[in-house]
Amino acid sequence: MYRLSASSFSCIGVINRVAAENEAFVSFSRHFRDHGLPVPEVYVYADDCSLYLQQDLGDMTLLDTLHQERSSSDVPFPDGVTKLYEHVLELLPRFQIEAGATIDYGKCHPNSDFSSDALRSDMASFSRELVPRLLPDYDTQRLQGDFCVLIDFLARARGGFFLYRDFQSRNVMILDGQPWFIDFQGGRQGPLQYDVVSLLYQSSAKIPPDARGRLLNYYLTHACNYTPLDLEDFLHYLGGFIVSRMVQVLGVYGREGLGAGKAYFQASIPTALDTLVQELQSGSLGFPLPHLAECAHTLRGLHNR
């Protein structure tokens, strides 16, 4: 990615030889803009699908804004950033439900839906990239039964919506005080819970539980404006998606943080492990995942030494 500028104009140039990924981004961007959603405009798209020029949204993310607001306030979640999160959560159902109803899922890359195979891949990454680096003697085969139970449970959640896949505050740009959305090329068809969990349980954001609860209710109020929503059913599956999201990001943190030595990902591991342990101990799932709970508890203890 390159920032290109001349006089008072700038844009972002993207070169990517994975044509299918470019097709997904460009197609989705145009579709979302047709629905009036704040995503970058694609100015030029090469005929061979290898590069494009897109709108420059600056360098300030929602996460940057959160950190800045916190540094100048004694409040864990200041009012100014609360308003931004609320705005983001007003727009999320429009991506998921309104635009998701007519988006071309044939453009999705690498998967067109949030399938059991995608969950298995996330859980395999956790077992391969995180656990052996912290617990080299742990038999990860012990986790497989718990993972199968969790996958079977999540497969029963209502789907058919646009799932952004990585809906978190580093993928929300703040330009002139307004949120803009990027990095949606991995989107696919799936359930509503995953994206709101991704935002509200992001490790580096460290949103306090009371603020998280208010923001979840705010999201649900707005989501109900776009589709009939059984709130009891939504909440029934929420804990499972929290667990699956933490497992997914911990696999990434293990690969990029412990494997590649990237400080941001390393720093995110303890909070993600705390969230995973707390959710597994809370009883919100309604069924036990004893081996995953034991493993997560041990990982947290070792990593926090």
C-alpha atoms as a PDB file:
ATOM      1  CA  MET A   1       0.000   0.000   0.000  1.00  0.00           C
ATOM      2  CA  TYR A   2       1.274   3.474  -0.915  1.00  0.00           C
ATOM      3  CA  ARG A   3       0.119   6.997  -0.158  1.00  0.00           C
ATOM      4  CA  LEU A   4       0.291   9.033  -3.364  1.00  0.00           C
ATOM      5  CA  SER A   5       0.035  12.808  -3.206  1.00  0.00           C
ATOM      6  CA  ALA A   6       0.220  15.797  -5.496  1.00  0.00           C
ATOM      7  CA  SER A   7      -0.574  19.345  -4.420  1.00  0.00           C
ATOM      8  CA  SER A   8      -3.602  19.124  -2.089  1.00  0.00           C
ATOM      9  CA  PHE A   9      -4.802  15.692  -3.285  1.00  0.00           C
ATOM     10  CA  SER A  10      -3.786  12.295  -1.981  1.00  0.00           C
ATOM     11  CA  CYS A  11      -4.983   8.736  -2.452  1.00  0.00           C
ATOM     12  CA  ILE A  12      -3.964   5.230  -1.458  1.00  0.00           C
ATOM     13  CA  GLY A  13      -2.504   2.897  -4.057  1.00  0.00           C
ATOM     14  CA  VAL A  14      -2.892  -0.840  -3.455  1.00  0.00           C
ATOM     15  CA  ILE A  15      -0.921  -3.503  -5.316  1.00  0.00           C
ATOM     16  CA  ASN A  16      -2.061  -7.034  -4.612  1.00  0.00           C
ATOM     17  CA  ARG A  17      -1.532 -10.037  -6.871  1.00  0.00           C
ATOM     18  CA  VAL A  18      -4.431 -11.909  -5.246  1.00  0.00           C
ATOM     19  CA  ALA A  19      -7.042 -10.819  -7.769  1.00  0.00           C
ATOM     20  CA  ALA A  20      -9.948 -12.427  -5.917  1.00  0.00           C
ATOM     21  CA  GLU A  21      -9.198 -10.376  -2.799  1.00  0.00           C
ATOM     22  CA  ASN A  22      -9.109  -7.174  -4.862  1.00  0.00           C
ATOM     23  CA  GLU A  23     -12.381  -8.130  -6.522  1.00  0.00           C
ATOM     24  CA  ALA A  24     -13.986  -8.603  -3.121  1.00  0.00           C
ATOM     25  CA  PHE A  25     -12.809  -5.226  -1.821  1.00  0.00           C
ATOM     26  CA  VAL A  26     -13.749  -3.241  -4.919  1.00  0.00           C
ATOM     27  CA  SER A  27     -17.124  -4.952  -5.341  1.00  0.00           C
ATOM     28  CA  PHE A  28     -18.036  -4.544  -1.671  1.00  0.00           C
ATOM     29  CA  SER A  29     -16.840  -0.938  -1.567  1.00  0.00           C
ATOM     30  CA  ARG A  30     -19.017   0.015  -4.523  1.00  0.00           C
ATOM     31  CA  HIS A  31     -21.989  -1.850  -3.068  1.00  0.00           C
ATOM     32  CA  PHE A  32     -21.673  -0.200   0.340  1.00  0.00           C
ATOM     33  CA  ARG A  33     -21.303   3.247  -1.214  1.00  0.00           C
ATOM     34  CA  ASP A  34     -24.494   2.615  -3.206  1.00  0.00           C
ATOM     35  CA  HIS A  35     -26.166   2.174   0.194  1.00  0.00           C
ATOM     36  CA  GLY A  36     -24.728   5.445   1.471  1.00  0.00           C
ATOM     37  CA  LEU A  37     -22.258   3.784   3.835  1.00  0.00           C
ATOM     38  CA  PRO A  38     -18.942   5.517   4.619  1.00  0.00           C
ATOM     39  CA  VAL A  39     -16.319   3.373   2.915  1.00  0.00           C
ATOM     40  CA  PRO A  40     -13.450   4.526   0.669  1.00  0.00           C
ATOM     41  CA  GLU A  41     -14.242   5.337  -2.938  1.00  0.00           C
ATOM     42  CA  VAL A  42     -12.302   3.320  -5.513  1.00  0.00           C
ATOM     43  CA  TYR A  43     -11.069   5.779  -8.144  1.00  0.00           C
ATOM     44  CA  VAL A  44      -9.256   3.445 -10.523  1.00  0.00           C
ATOM     45  CA  TYR A  45      -9.245  -0.347 -10.831  1.00  0.00           C
ATOM     46  CA  ALA A  46      -6.774  -2.054 -13.173  1.00  0.00           C
ATOM     47  CA  ASP A  47      -8.148  -4.298 -15.901  1.00  0.00           C
ATOM     48  CA  ASP A  48      -6.043  -7.214 -14.649  1.00  0.00           C
ATOM     49  CA  CYS A  49      -7.461  -6.757 -11.096  1.00  0.00           C
ATOM     50  CA  SER A  50      -3.950  -6.400  -9.625  1.00  0.00           C
ATOM     51  CA  LEU A  51      -4.093  -2.825  -8.322  1.00  0.00           C
ATOM     52  CA  TYR A  52      -6.430   0.040  -7.511  1.00  0.00           C
ATOM     53  CA  LEU A  53      -6.455   3.614  -6.221  1.00  0.00           C
ATOM     54  CA  GLN A  54      -8.765   4.424  -3.348  1.00  0.00           C
ATOM     55  CA  GLN A  55      -9.790   7.379  -1.213  1.00  0.00           C
ATOM     56  CA  ASP A  56      -7.292   8.424   1.455  1.00  0.00           C
ATOM     57  CA  LEU A  57      -8.998   8.430   4.864  1.00  0.00           C
ATOM     58  CA  GLY A  58      -5.971   9.597   6.833  1.00  0.00           C
ATOM     59  CA  ASP A  59      -4.164   7.852   9.675  1.00  0.00           C
ATOM     60  CA  MET A  60      -6.436   8.223  12.712  1.00  0.00           C
ATOM     61  CA  THR A  61      -8.290   5.075  13.734  1.00  0.00           C
ATOM     62  CA  LEU A  62     -11.049   4.603  16.277  1.00  0.00           C
ATOM     63  CA  LEU A  63      -8.516   2.822  18.500  1.00  0.00           C
ATOM     64  CA  ASP A  64      -6.128   5.796  18.259  1.00  0.00           C
ATOM     65  CA  THR A  65      -8.975   8.097  19.223  1.00  0.00           C
ATOM     66  CA  LEU A  66      -9.875   5.903  22.192  1.00  0.00           C
ATOM     67  CA  HIS A  67      -6.282   5.966  23.441  1.00  0.00           C
ATOM     68  CA  GLN A  68      -6.056   9.750  23.003  1.00  0.00           C
ATOM     69  CA  GLU A  69      -9.324  10.350  24.844  1.00  0.00           C
ATOM     70  CA  ARG A  70      -8.219   8.079  27.687  1.00  0.00           C
ATOM     71  CA  SER A  71      -4.845   9.781  28.012  1.00  0.00           C
ATOM     72  CA  SER A  72      -6.513  13.158  28.609  1.00  0.00           C
ATOM     73  CA  SER A  73      -9.198  11.852  30.966  1.00  0.00           C
ATOM     74  CA  ASP A  74      -9.471   9.813  34.145  1.00  0.00           C
ATOM     75  CA  VAL A  75     -12.565   8.081  32.739  1.00  0.00           C
ATOM     76  CA  PRO A  76     -11.996   4.540  31.340  1.00  0.00           C
ATOM     77  CA  PHE A  77     -14.440   5.130  28.493  1.00  0.00           C
ATOM     78  CA  PRO A  78     -14.924   8.891  27.880  1.00  0.00           C
ATOM     79  CA  ASP A  79     -18.157  10.364  26.524  1.00  0.00           C
ATOM     80  CA  GLY A  80     -16.560  11.517  23.282  1.00  0.00           C
ATOM     81  CA  VAL A  81     -15.430   8.060  22.280  1.00  0.00           C
ATOM     82  CA  THR A  82     -18.703   6.549  23.530  1.00  0.00           C
ATOM     83  CA  LYS A  83     -20.529   8.670  20.942  1.00  0.00           C
ATOM     84  CA  LEU A  84     -18.197   7.418  18.215  1.00  0.00           C
ATOM     85  CA  TYR A  85     -18.758   3.787  19.203  1.00  0.00           C
ATOM     86  CA  GLU A  86     -22.505   4.393  19.213  1.00  0.00           C
ATOM     87  CA  HIS A  87     -22.302   5.851  15.710  1.00  0.00           C
ATOM     88  CA  VAL A  88     -20.305   2.824  14.561  1.00  0.00           C
ATOM     89  CA  LEU A  89     -22.880   0.480  16.087  1.00  0.00           C
ATOM     90  CA  GLU A  90     -25.713   2.363  14.376  1.00  0.00           C
ATOM     91  CA  LEU A  91     -24.010   1.742  11.038  1.00  0.00           C
ATOM     92  CA  LEU A  92     -23.074  -1.897  11.650  1.00  0.00           C
ATOM     93  CA  PRO A  93     -26.612  -3.285  11.070  1.00  0.00           C
ATOM     94  CA  ARG A  94     -26.748  -1.384   7.794  1.00  0.00           C
ATOM     95  CA  PHE A  95     -23.676  -3.297   6.613  1.00  0.00           C
ATOM     96  CA  GLN A  96     -24.932  -6.595   7.999  1.00  0.00           C
ATOM     97  CA  ILE A  97     -28.637  -6.461   7.175  1.00  0.00           C
ATOM     98  CA  GLU A  98     -29.513  -3.639   4.783  1.00  0.00           C
ATOM     99  CA  ALA A  99     -26.529  -3.885   2.402  1.00  0.00           C
ATOM    100  CA  GLY A 100     -26.018  -7.554   3.217  1.00  0.00           C
ATOM    101  CA  ALA A 101     -29.405  -8.448   1.752  1.00  0.00           C
ATOM    102  CA  THR A 102     -28.284  -7.655  -1.813  1.00  0.00           C
ATOM    103  CA  ILE A 103     -24.486  -7.952  -1.759  1.00  0.00           C
ATOM    104  CA  ASP A 104     -22.864 -10.347  -4.240  1.00  0.00           C
ATOM    105  CA  TYR A 105     -21.577 -13.157  -2.028  1.00  0.00           C
ATOM    106  CA  GLY A 106     -20.058 -14.702  -5.124  1.00  0.00           C
ATOM    107  CA  LYS A 107     -17.283 -12.118  -4.770  1.00  0.00           C
ATOM    108  CA  CYS A 108     -16.277 -13.317  -1.283  1.00  0.00           C
ATOM    109  CA  HIS A 109     -12.693 -14.402  -0.714  1.00  0.00           C
ATOM    110  CA  PRO A 110     -11.556 -16.852   0.530  1.00  0.00           C
ATOM    111  CA  ASN A 111     -14.935 -18.146   1.773  1.00  0.00           C
ATOM    112  CA  SER A 112     -18.498 -17.182   0.923  1.00  0.00           C
ATOM    113  CA  ASP A 113     -19.948 -18.081   4.309  1.00  0.00           C
ATOM    114  CA  PHE A 114     -19.011 -18.452   7.957  1.00  0.00           C
ATOM    115  CA  SER A 115     -18.863 -22.216   7.860  1.00  0.00           C
ATOM    116  CA  SER A 116     -17.803 -24.901  10.284  1.00  0.00           C
ATOM    117  CA  ASP A 117     -14.634 -25.237   8.200  1.00  0.00           C
ATOM    118  CA  ALA A 118     -13.732 -21.599   8.942  1.00  0.00           C
ATOM    119  CA  LEU A 119     -14.211 -22.213  12.663  1.00  0.00           C
ATOM    120  CA  ARG A 120     -12.081 -25.348  12.498  1.00  0.00           C
ATOM    121  CA  SER A 121      -9.349 -23.362  10.797  1.00  0.00           C
ATOM    122  CA  ASP A 122      -9.464 -20.713  13.548  1.00  0.00           C
ATOM    123  CA  MET A 123      -9.267 -23.369  16.243  1.00  0.00           C
ATOM    124  CA  ALA A 124      -6.437 -25.182  14.474  1.00  0.00           C
ATOM    125  CA  SER A 125      -4.512 -21.902  14.403  1.00  0.00           C
ATOM    126  CA  PHE A 126      -5.010 -21.512  18.168  1.00  0.00           C
ATOM    127  CA  SER A 127      -3.709 -25.070  18.702  1.00  0.00           C
ATOM    128  CA  ARG A 128      -0.784 -24.594  16.322  1.00  0.00           C
ATOM    129  CA  GLU A 129       0.320 -20.972  16.757  1.00  0.00           C
ATOM    130  CA  LEU A 130      -0.357 -20.135  20.417  1.00  0.00           C
ATOM    131  CA  VAL A 131      -0.497 -23.221  22.611  1.00  0.00           C
ATOM    132  CA  PRO A 132       2.819 -24.866  21.608  1.00  0.00           C
ATOM    133  CA  ARG A 133       4.707 -21.597  22.035  1.00  0.00           C
ATOM    134  CA  LEU A 134       3.555 -21.236  25.640  1.00  0.00           C
ATOM    135  CA  LEU A 135       2.871 -24.876  26.545  1.00  0.00           C
ATOM    136  CA  PRO A 136       5.242 -26.951  24.379  1.00  0.00           C
ATOM    137  CA  ASP A 137       4.352 -30.231  26.113  1.00  0.00           C
ATOM    138  CA  TYR A 138       0.572 -29.773  25.955  1.00  0.00           C
ATOM    139  CA  ASP A 139      -1.340 -32.350  23.878  1.00  0.00           C
ATOM    140  CA  THR A 140      -3.583 -30.142  21.733  1.00  0.00           C
ATOM    141  CA  GLN A 141      -5.585 -33.191  20.652  1.00  0.00           C
ATOM    142  CA  ARG A 142      -7.314 -32.860  24.022  1.00  0.00           C
ATOM    143  CA  LEU A 143      -8.980 -29.691  22.735  1.00  0.00           C
ATOM    144  CA  GLN A 144     -10.605 -31.265  19.703  1.00  0.00           C
ATOM    145  CA  GLY A 145     -13.682 -32.628  21.451  1.00  0.00           C
ATOM    146  CA  ASP A 146     -14.457 -29.226  22.996  1.00  0.00           C
ATOM    147  CA  PHE A 147     -13.950 -27.517  19.658  1.00  0.00           C
ATOM    148  CA  CYS A 148     -16.395 -29.918  17.977  1.00  0.00           C
ATOM    149  CA  VAL A 149     -19.023 -29.175  20.641  1.00  0.00           C
ATOM    150  CA  LEU A 150     -18.558 -25.422  20.193  1.00  0.00           C
ATOM    151  CA  ILE A 151     -18.702 -25.631  16.395  1.00  0.00           C
ATOM    152  CA  ASP A 152     -21.901 -27.695  16.479  1.00  0.00           C
ATOM    153  CA  PHE A 153     -23.450 -25.139  18.839  1.00  0.00           C
ATOM    154  CA  LEU A 154     -22.512 -22.084  16.734  1.00  0.00           C
ATOM    155  CA  ALA A 155     -23.723 -23.758  13.536  1.00  0.00           C
ATOM    156  CA  ARG A 156     -27.289 -23.461  14.885  1.00  0.00           C
ATOM    157  CA  ALA A 157     -27.161 -19.649  15.182  1.00  0.00           C
ATOM    158  CA  ARG A 158     -29.236 -17.667  12.719  1.00  0.00           C
ATOM    159  CA  GLY A 159     -27.166 -16.635   9.685  1.00  0.00           C
ATOM    160  CA  GLY A 160     -27.676 -15.075   6.293  1.00  0.00           C
ATOM    161  CA  PHE A 161     -26.251 -11.626   7.087  1.00  0.00           C
ATOM    162  CA  PHE A 162     -23.087  -9.864   5.936  1.00  0.00           C
ATOM    163  CA  LEU A 163     -20.291 -10.776   8.341  1.00  0.00           C
ATOM    164  CA  TYR A 164     -17.460  -8.240   8.168  1.00  0.00           C
ATOM    165  CA  ARG A 165     -15.154 -10.814   9.859  1.00  0.00           C
ATOM    166  CA  ASP A 166     -12.663  -8.327  11.369  1.00  0.00           C
ATOM    167  CA  PHE A 167     -14.919  -5.565  12.636  1.00  0.00           C
ATOM    168  CA  GLN A 168     -12.621  -3.888  15.156  1.00  0.00           C
ATOM    169  CA  SER A 169     -11.468  -0.391  15.994  1.00  0.00           C
ATOM    170  CA  ARG A 170      -8.265  -0.512  13.929  1.00  0.00           C
ATOM    171  CA  ASN A 171     -10.462  -0.967  10.857  1.00  0.00           C
ATOM    172  CA  VAL A 172     -12.532   2.145  11.575  1.00  0.00           C
ATOM    173  CA  MET A 173     -10.909   5.391  10.436  1.00  0.00           C
ATOM    174  CA  ILE A 174     -11.925   8.707  11.975  1.00  0.00           C
ATOM    175  CA  LEU A 175     -12.005  11.546   9.444  1.00  0.00           C
ATOM    176  CA  ASP A 176     -13.413  14.955  10.371  1.00  0.00           C
ATOM    177  CA  GLY A 177     -14.924  13.410  13.495  1.00  0.00           C
ATOM    178  CA  GLN A 178     -16.831  10.715  11.561  1.00  0.00           C
ATOM    179  CA  PRO A 179     -16.216   6.959  11.246  1.00  0.00           C
ATOM    180  CA  TRP A 180     -15.202   5.396   7.932  1.00  0.00           C
ATOM    181  CA  PHE A 181     -14.809   1.665   7.394  1.00  0.00           C
ATOM    182  CA  ILE A 182     -11.982  -0.299   5.768  1.00  0.00           C
ATOM    183  CA  ASP A 183     -10.621  -3.849   5.493  1.00  0.00           C
ATOM    184  CA  PHE A 184     -13.902  -5.597   4.714  1.00  0.00           C
ATOM    185  CA  GLN A 185     -12.545  -7.722   1.843  1.00  0.00           C
ATOM    186  CA  GLY A 186     -12.710 -10.850   4.031  1.00  0.00           C
ATOM    187  CA  GLY A 187     -16.460 -10.451   4.487  1.00  0.00           C
ATOM    188  CA  ARG A 188     -18.853 -13.346   3.997  1.00  0.00           C
ATOM    189  CA  GLN A 189     -22.341 -14.532   4.886  1.00  0.00           C
ATOM    190  CA  GLY A 190     -22.905 -15.364   8.529  1.00  0.00           C
ATOM    191  CA  PRO A 191     -24.517 -14.534  11.903  1.00  0.00           C
ATOM    192  CA  LEU A 192     -24.904 -11.085  13.462  1.00  0.00           C
ATOM    193  CA  GLN A 193     -23.151 -11.774  16.761  1.00  0.00           C
ATOM    194  CA  TYR A 194     -19.608 -12.204  15.487  1.00  0.00           C
ATOM    195  CA  ASP A 195     -18.999  -8.618  14.354  1.00  0.00           C
ATOM    196  CA  VAL A 196     -20.400  -6.891  17.415  1.00  0.00           C
ATOM    197  CA  VAL A 197     -18.340  -9.245  19.591  1.00  0.00           C
ATOM    198  CA  SER A 198     -15.238  -8.414  17.529  1.00  0.00           C
ATOM    199  CA  LEU A 199     -15.681  -4.718  18.232  1.00  0.00           C
ATOM    200  CA  LEU A 200     -16.760  -4.785  21.866  1.00  0.00           C
ATOM    201  CA  TYR A 201     -14.338  -7.490  23.028  1.00  0.00           C
ATOM    202  CA  GLN A 202     -11.258  -6.223  21.171  1.00  0.00           C
ATOM    203  CA  SER A 203      -8.310  -6.841  23.484  1.00  0.00           C
ATOM    204  CA  SER A 204      -6.407  -3.619  22.820  1.00  0.00           C
ATOM    205  CA  ALA A 205      -9.526  -1.473  23.334  1.00  0.00           C
ATOM    206  CA  LYS A 206     -10.168  -2.795  26.866  1.00  0.00           C
ATOM    207  CA  ILE A 207     -13.766  -1.564  26.952  1.00  0.00           C
ATOM    208  CA  PRO A 208     -15.095  -1.750  30.544  1.00  0.00           C
ATOM    209  CA  PRO A 209     -17.867  -4.346  31.072  1.00  0.00           C
ATOM    210  CA  ASP A 210     -20.521  -1.746  31.973  1.00  0.00           C
ATOM    211  CA  ALA A 211     -19.793   0.301  28.836  1.00  0.00           C
ATOM    212  CA  ARG A 212     -19.728  -2.884  26.768  1.00  0.00           C
ATOM    213  CA  GLY A 213     -23.165  -3.850  28.044  1.00  0.00           C
ATOM    214  CA  ARG A 214     -24.624  -0.439  27.206  1.00  0.00           C
ATOM    215  CA  LEU A 215     -23.097  -0.513  23.729  1.00  0.00           C
ATOM    216  CA  LEU A 216     -24.430  -4.025  23.075  1.00  0.00           C
ATOM    217  CA  ASN A 217     -27.951  -2.871  24.000  1.00  0.00           C
ATOM    218  CA  TYR A 218     -27.493   0.170  21.769  1.00  0.00           C
ATOM    219  CA  TYR A 219     -26.551  -2.089  18.861  1.00  0.00           C
ATOM    220  CA  LEU A 220     -29.492  -4.424  19.445  1.00  0.00           C
ATOM    221  CA  THR A 221     -31.926  -1.514  19.500  1.00  0.00           C
ATOM    222  CA  HIS A 222     -30.735  -0.410  16.074  1.00  0.00           C
ATOM    223  CA  ALA A 223     -30.437  -3.916  14.610  1.00  0.00           C
ATOM    224  CA  CYS A 224     -34.121  -4.475  15.432  1.00  0.00           C
ATOM    225  CA  ASN A 225     -34.948  -1.618  13.060  1.00  0.00           C
ATOM    226  CA  TYR A 226     -33.694  -3.673  10.115  1.00  0.00           C
ATOM    227  CA  THR A 227     -34.836  -7.216  10.857  1.00  0.00           C
ATOM    228  CA  PRO A 228     -37.094  -9.022  13.352  1.00  0.00           C
ATOM    229  CA  LEU A 229     -34.693 -10.093  16.058  1.00  0.00           C
ATOM    230  CA  ASP A 230     -35.295 -12.669  18.768  1.00  0.00           C
ATOM    231  CA  LEU A 231     -33.193 -11.114  21.541  1.00  0.00           C
ATOM    232  CA  GLU A 232     -33.256 -14.241  23.683  1.00  0.00           C
ATOM    233  CA  ASP A 233     -31.953 -16.297  20.780  1.00  0.00           C
ATOM    234  CA  PHE A 234     -29.294 -13.682  19.971  1.00  0.00           C
ATOM    235  CA  LEU A 235     -28.009 -13.698  23.545  1.00  0.00           C
ATOM    236  CA  HIS A 236     -28.197 -17.500  23.738  1.00  0.00           C
ATOM    237  CA  TYR A 237     -25.373 -17.736  21.202  1.00  0.00           C
ATOM    238  CA  LEU A 238     -23.426 -14.642  22.213  1.00  0.00           C
ATOM    239  CA  GLY A 239     -21.106 -16.384  24.700  1.00  0.00           C
ATOM    240  CA  GLY A 240     -20.168 -18.981  22.090  1.00  0.00           C
ATOM    241  CA  PHE A 241     -19.160 -16.258  19.667  1.00  0.00           C
ATOM    242  CA  ILE A 242     -17.106 -14.523  22.344  1.00  0.00           C
ATOM    243  CA  VAL A 243     -15.205 -17.770  22.920  1.00  0.00           C
ATOM    244  CA  SER A 244     -14.737 -18.437  19.201  1.00  0.00           C
ATOM    245  CA  ARG A 245     -13.543 -14.879  18.535  1.00  0.00           C
ATOM    246  CA  MET A 246     -11.009 -15.041  21.364  1.00  0.00           C
ATOM    247  CA  VAL A 247      -9.755 -18.386  20.067  1.00  0.00           C
ATOM    248  CA  GLN A 248      -9.450 -16.883  16.575  1.00  0.00           C
ATOM    249  CA  VAL A 249      -7.538 -13.755  17.612  1.00  0.00           C
ATOM    250  CA  LEU A 250      -5.280 -15.705  19.975  1.00  0.00           C
ATOM    251  CA  GLY A 251      -4.216 -17.836  17.035  1.00  0.00           C
ATOM    252  CA  VAL A 252      -3.305 -14.639  15.181  1.00  0.00           C
ATOM    253  CA  TYR A 253      -1.575 -13.193  18.249  1.00  0.00           C
ATOM    254  CA  GLY A 254       0.442 -16.380  18.625  1.00  0.00           C
ATOM    255  CA  ARG A 255       1.576 -16.306  15.003  1.00  0.00           C
ATOM    256  CA  GLU A 256       2.213 -12.574  14.679  1.00  0.00           C
ATOM    257  CA  GLY A 257       3.207 -11.822  18.288  1.00  0.00           C
ATOM    258  CA  LEU A 258       5.074 -14.842  19.614  1.00  0.00           C
ATOM    259  CA  GLY A 259       6.126 -16.125  16.185  1.00  0.00           C
ATOM    260  CA  ALA A 260       6.937 -12.947  14.266  1.00  0.00           C
ATOM    261  CA  GLY A 261       7.768 -10.843  17.327  1.00  0.00           C
ATOM    262  CA  LYS A 262       5.295  -8.014  16.647  1.00  0.00           C
ATOM    263  CA  ALA A 263       4.807  -6.040  19.850  1.00  0.00           C
ATOM    264  CA  TYR A 264       1.154  -5.023  19.284  1.00  0.00           C
ATOM    265  CA  PHE A 265       0.050  -8.649  19.015  1.00  0.00           C
ATOM    266  CA  GLN A 266       2.189  -9.749  21.968  1.00  0.00           C
ATOM    267  CA  ALA A 267       0.656  -7.033  24.143  1.00  0.00           C
ATOM    268  CA  SER A 268      -2.871  -8.173  23.240  1.00  0.00           C
ATOM    269  CA  ILE A 269      -2.423 -11.770  24.428  1.00  0.00           C
ATOM    270  CA  PRO A 270      -3.065 -11.303  28.193  1.00  0.00           C
ATOM    271  CA  THR A 271      -6.359  -9.444  27.760  1.00  0.00           C
ATOM    272  CA  ALA A 272      -7.624 -11.971  25.213  1.00  0.00           C
ATOM    273  CA  LEU A 273      -6.727 -14.832  27.553  1.00  0.00           C
ATOM    274  CA  ASP A 274      -8.462 -13.047  30.443  1.00  0.00           C
ATOM    275  CA  THR A 275     -11.610 -12.645  28.330  1.00  0.00           C
ATOM    276  CA  LEU A 276     -11.524 -16.278  27.209  1.00  0.00           C
ATOM    277  CA  VAL A 277     -11.091 -17.594  30.760  1.00  0.00           C
ATOM    278  CA  GLN A 278     -13.810 -15.324  32.148  1.00  0.00           C
ATOM    279  CA  GLU A 279     -16.295 -16.345  29.468  1.00  0.00           C
ATOM    280  CA  LEU A 280     -15.587 -20.037  29.919  1.00  0.00           C
ATOM    281  CA  GLN A 281     -16.006 -19.705  33.693  1.00  0.00           C
ATOM    282  CA  SER A 282     -19.152 -17.567  33.525  1.00  0.00           C
ATOM    283  CA  GLY A 283     -21.514 -20.387  32.596  1.00  0.00           C
ATOM    284  CA  SER A 284     -23.043 -18.273  29.819  1.00  0.00           C
ATOM    285  CA  LEU A 285     -22.503 -21.034  27.266  1.00  0.00           C
ATOM    286  CA  GLY A 286     -24.815 -23.409  29.096  1.00  0.00           C
ATOM    287  CA  PHE A 287     -22.451 -26.334  28.547  1.00  0.00           C
ATOM    288  CA  PRO A 288     -18.879 -27.079  29.654  1.00  0.00           C
ATOM    289  CA  LEU A 289     -15.723 -26.938  27.562  1.00  0.00           C
ATOM    290  CA  PRO A 290     -13.460 -28.412  30.257  1.00  0.00           C
ATOM    291  CA  HIS A 291     -10.273 -28.987  28.263  1.00  0.00           C
ATOM    292  CA  LEU A 292     -10.354 -25.551  26.628  1.00  0.00           C
ATOM    293  CA  ALA A 293     -11.065 -23.960  30.023  1.00  0.00           C
ATOM    294  CA  GLU A 294      -8.147 -25.806  31.628  1.00  0.00           C
ATOM    295  CA  CYS A 295      -5.817 -24.919  28.744  1.00  0.00           C
ATOM    296  CA  ALA A 296      -6.831 -21.233  28.729  1.00  0.00           C
ATOM    297  CA  HIS A 297      -6.422 -20.990  32.507  1.00  0.00           C
ATOM    298  CA  THR A 298      -2.930 -22.494  32.315  1.00  0.00           C
ATOM    299  CA  LEU A 299      -1.946 -20.267  29.380  1.00  0.00           C
ATOM    300  CA  ARG A 300      -3.062 -17.188  31.275  1.00  0.00           C
ATOM    301  CA  GLY A 301      -1.044 -18.186  34.318  1.00  0.00           C
ATOM    302  CA  LEU A 302       2.110 -18.806  32.298  1.00  0.00           C
ATOM    303  CA  HIS A 303       1.845 -15.701  30.145  1.00  0.00           C
ATOM    304  CA  ASN A 304       1.142 -13.432  33.111  1.00  0.00           C
ATOM    305  CA  ARG A 305       4.245 -14.511  35.052  1.00  0.00           C
END
